[in-house]
Amino acid sequence: MNTEVRDQPGRSRYELLLDGEVIGHVDYLRQGSVWVFTHTEVSADHRSDGLASTLVRGALDDVRRRGNRVVPRCPYVGHFIDKHPEYADLVSD
């Protein structure tokens, strides 16, 4: 199983690819250096595979690398950050 998370700025989302096929995405709105994550979705065939975590982790790692912050309006992203306190510093006030 080969996964890749990539930013698609023209679509305002990060996509999760599994063996080259898009199977999920997390949508965002950019407000300067703050990225507001609004919705996460993974195809029904892969929801129990833990791939939503892979997607969100990849997106948050990229935001960190760029020196930006996040607002987790998407419940899944908020829950992920709560369960992974190493990402709490990314949350904008």
C-alpha atoms as a PDB file:
ATOM      1  CA  MET A   1       0.000   0.000   0.000  1.00  0.00           C
ATOM      2  CA  ASN A   2       1.684   3.210  -1.191  1.00  0.00           C
ATOM      3  CA  THR A   3       0.181   6.435   0.176  1.00  0.00           C
ATOM      4  CA  GLU A   4       0.943  10.056  -0.649  1.00  0.00           C
ATOM      5  CA  VAL A   5      -0.494  13.303   0.715  1.00  0.00           C
ATOM      6  CA  ARG A   6      -0.250  16.272  -1.635  1.00  0.00           C
ATOM      7  CA  ASP A   7      -1.442  19.839  -1.525  1.00  0.00           C
ATOM      8  CA  GLN A   8      -3.778  20.912  -4.309  1.00  0.00           C
ATOM      9  CA  PRO A   9      -3.892  24.703  -3.773  1.00  0.00           C
ATOM     10  CA  GLY A  10      -6.079  25.280  -6.836  1.00  0.00           C
ATOM     11  CA  ARG A  11      -8.720  23.105  -5.178  1.00  0.00           C
ATOM     12  CA  SER A  12      -8.003  24.334  -1.609  1.00  0.00           C
ATOM     13  CA  ARG A  13      -7.395  20.860  -0.287  1.00  0.00           C
ATOM     14  CA  TYR A  14      -4.893  18.174   0.511  1.00  0.00           C
ATOM     15  CA  GLU A  15      -5.501  14.897  -1.255  1.00  0.00           C
ATOM     16  CA  LEU A  16      -4.653  11.393  -0.111  1.00  0.00           C
ATOM     17  CA  LEU A  17      -3.563   9.041  -2.856  1.00  0.00           C
ATOM     18  CA  LEU A  18      -3.461   5.286  -2.435  1.00  0.00           C
ATOM     19  CA  ASP A  19      -1.428   3.588  -5.140  1.00  0.00           C
ATOM     20  CA  GLY A  20      -1.926   6.703  -7.305  1.00  0.00           C
ATOM     21  CA  GLU A  21      -5.715   6.971  -6.836  1.00  0.00           C
ATOM     22  CA  VAL A  22      -7.289   9.852  -4.867  1.00  0.00           C
ATOM     23  CA  ILE A  23      -9.242   8.276  -2.011  1.00  0.00           C
ATOM     24  CA  GLY A  24      -9.631  11.207   0.351  1.00  0.00           C
ATOM     25  CA  HIS A  25      -9.191  14.906   0.948  1.00  0.00           C
ATOM     26  CA  VAL A  26      -9.132  17.536   3.649  1.00  0.00           C
ATOM     27  CA  ASP A  27     -10.469  20.943   2.567  1.00  0.00           C
ATOM     28  CA  TYR A  28      -9.042  24.224   3.795  1.00  0.00           C
ATOM     29  CA  LEU A  29      -9.407  27.982   3.511  1.00  0.00           C
ATOM     30  CA  ARG A  30      -6.211  30.045   3.602  1.00  0.00           C
ATOM     31  CA  GLN A  31      -6.324  33.244   5.589  1.00  0.00           C
ATOM     32  CA  GLY A  32      -2.781  34.566   5.352  1.00  0.00           C
ATOM     33  CA  SER A  33      -0.570  32.277   7.393  1.00  0.00           C
ATOM     34  CA  VAL A  34      -3.578  30.532   8.982  1.00  0.00           C
ATOM     35  CA  TRP A  35      -5.147  27.528   7.272  1.00  0.00           C
ATOM     36  CA  VAL A  36      -8.726  26.778   8.336  1.00  0.00           C
ATOM     37  CA  PHE A  37      -9.418  23.052   7.932  1.00  0.00           C
ATOM     38  CA  THR A  38     -13.126  22.671   7.183  1.00  0.00           C
ATOM     39  CA  HIS A  39     -13.850  19.099   6.094  1.00  0.00           C
ATOM     40  CA  THR A  40     -12.171  15.696   5.913  1.00  0.00           C
ATOM     41  CA  GLU A  41     -13.437  12.839   3.786  1.00  0.00           C
ATOM     42  CA  VAL A  42     -12.105   9.380   2.899  1.00  0.00           C
ATOM     43  CA  SER A  43     -13.886   7.043   0.487  1.00  0.00           C
ATOM     44  CA  ALA A  44     -16.199   4.528   2.140  1.00  0.00           C
ATOM     45  CA  ASP A  45     -14.031   1.615   0.994  1.00  0.00           C
ATOM     46  CA  HIS A  46     -11.126   2.896   3.108  1.00  0.00           C
ATOM     47  CA  ARG A  47     -12.710   4.471   6.180  1.00  0.00           C
ATOM     48  CA  SER A  48     -11.717   1.647   8.509  1.00  0.00           C
ATOM     49  CA  ASP A  49      -8.097   1.572   7.287  1.00  0.00           C
ATOM     50  CA  GLY A  50      -6.851   4.495   9.412  1.00  0.00           C
ATOM     51  CA  LEU A  51      -6.092   6.521   6.301  1.00  0.00           C
ATOM     52  CA  ALA A  52      -7.867   9.661   7.503  1.00  0.00           C
ATOM     53  CA  SER A  53      -5.109   9.932  10.120  1.00  0.00           C
ATOM     54  CA  THR A  54      -2.483   9.549   7.405  1.00  0.00           C
ATOM     55  CA  LEU A  55      -4.159  12.348   5.442  1.00  0.00           C
ATOM     56  CA  VAL A  56      -4.466  14.770   8.356  1.00  0.00           C
ATOM     57  CA  ARG A  57      -0.956  14.029   9.634  1.00  0.00           C
ATOM     58  CA  GLY A  58       0.480  14.732   6.187  1.00  0.00           C
ATOM     59  CA  ALA A  59      -1.466  17.981   5.868  1.00  0.00           C
ATOM     60  CA  LEU A  60      -0.450  19.191   9.333  1.00  0.00           C
ATOM     61  CA  ASP A  61       3.184  18.264   8.723  1.00  0.00           C
ATOM     62  CA  ASP A  62       3.124  20.329   5.536  1.00  0.00           C
ATOM     63  CA  VAL A  63       1.543  23.312   7.305  1.00  0.00           C
ATOM     64  CA  ARG A  64       4.273  23.074   9.958  1.00  0.00           C
ATOM     65  CA  ARG A  65       7.005  22.875   7.325  1.00  0.00           C
ATOM     66  CA  ARG A  66       5.659  26.079   5.756  1.00  0.00           C
ATOM     67  CA  GLY A  67       5.647  27.869   9.122  1.00  0.00           C
ATOM     68  CA  ASN A  68       1.869  28.351   9.173  1.00  0.00           C
ATOM     69  CA  ARG A  69      -0.880  27.736  11.745  1.00  0.00           C
ATOM     70  CA  VAL A  70      -4.273  26.005  11.645  1.00  0.00           C
ATOM     71  CA  VAL A  71      -7.839  26.426  12.827  1.00  0.00           C
ATOM     72  CA  PRO A  72      -9.446  22.973  13.080  1.00  0.00           C
ATOM     73  CA  ARG A  73     -13.097  23.683  12.200  1.00  0.00           C
ATOM     74  CA  CYS A  74     -13.396  20.129  10.892  1.00  0.00           C
ATOM     75  CA  PRO A  75     -14.308  17.899  13.860  1.00  0.00           C
ATOM     76  CA  TYR A  76     -11.999  15.132  12.667  1.00  0.00           C
ATOM     77  CA  VAL A  77      -8.974  17.453  12.468  1.00  0.00           C
ATOM     78  CA  GLY A  78      -9.797  18.835  15.932  1.00  0.00           C
ATOM     79  CA  HIS A  79     -10.097  15.323  17.353  1.00  0.00           C
ATOM     80  CA  PHE A  80      -6.835  14.296  15.686  1.00  0.00           C
ATOM     81  CA  ILE A  81      -4.986  17.249  17.251  1.00  0.00           C
ATOM     82  CA  ASP A  82      -6.518  16.459  20.664  1.00  0.00           C
ATOM     83  CA  LYS A  83      -5.226  12.875  20.395  1.00  0.00           C
ATOM     84  CA  HIS A  84      -1.799  13.983  19.101  1.00  0.00           C
ATOM     85  CA  PRO A  85      -0.624  16.841  21.330  1.00  0.00           C
ATOM     86  CA  GLU A  86       2.578  17.187  19.268  1.00  0.00           C
ATOM     87  CA  TYR A  87       0.382  19.157  16.822  1.00  0.00           C
ATOM     88  CA  ALA A  88      -1.243  21.438  19.434  1.00  0.00           C
ATOM     89  CA  ASP A  89       1.329  24.175  18.809  1.00  0.00           C
ATOM     90  CA  LEU A  90      -0.031  24.580  15.268  1.00  0.00           C
ATOM     91  CA  VAL A  91      -3.464  25.714  16.479  1.00  0.00           C
ATOM     92  CA  SER A  92      -4.007  29.442  16.015  1.00  0.00           C
ATOM     93  CA  ASP A  93      -5.472  31.435  18.904  1.00  0.00           C
END
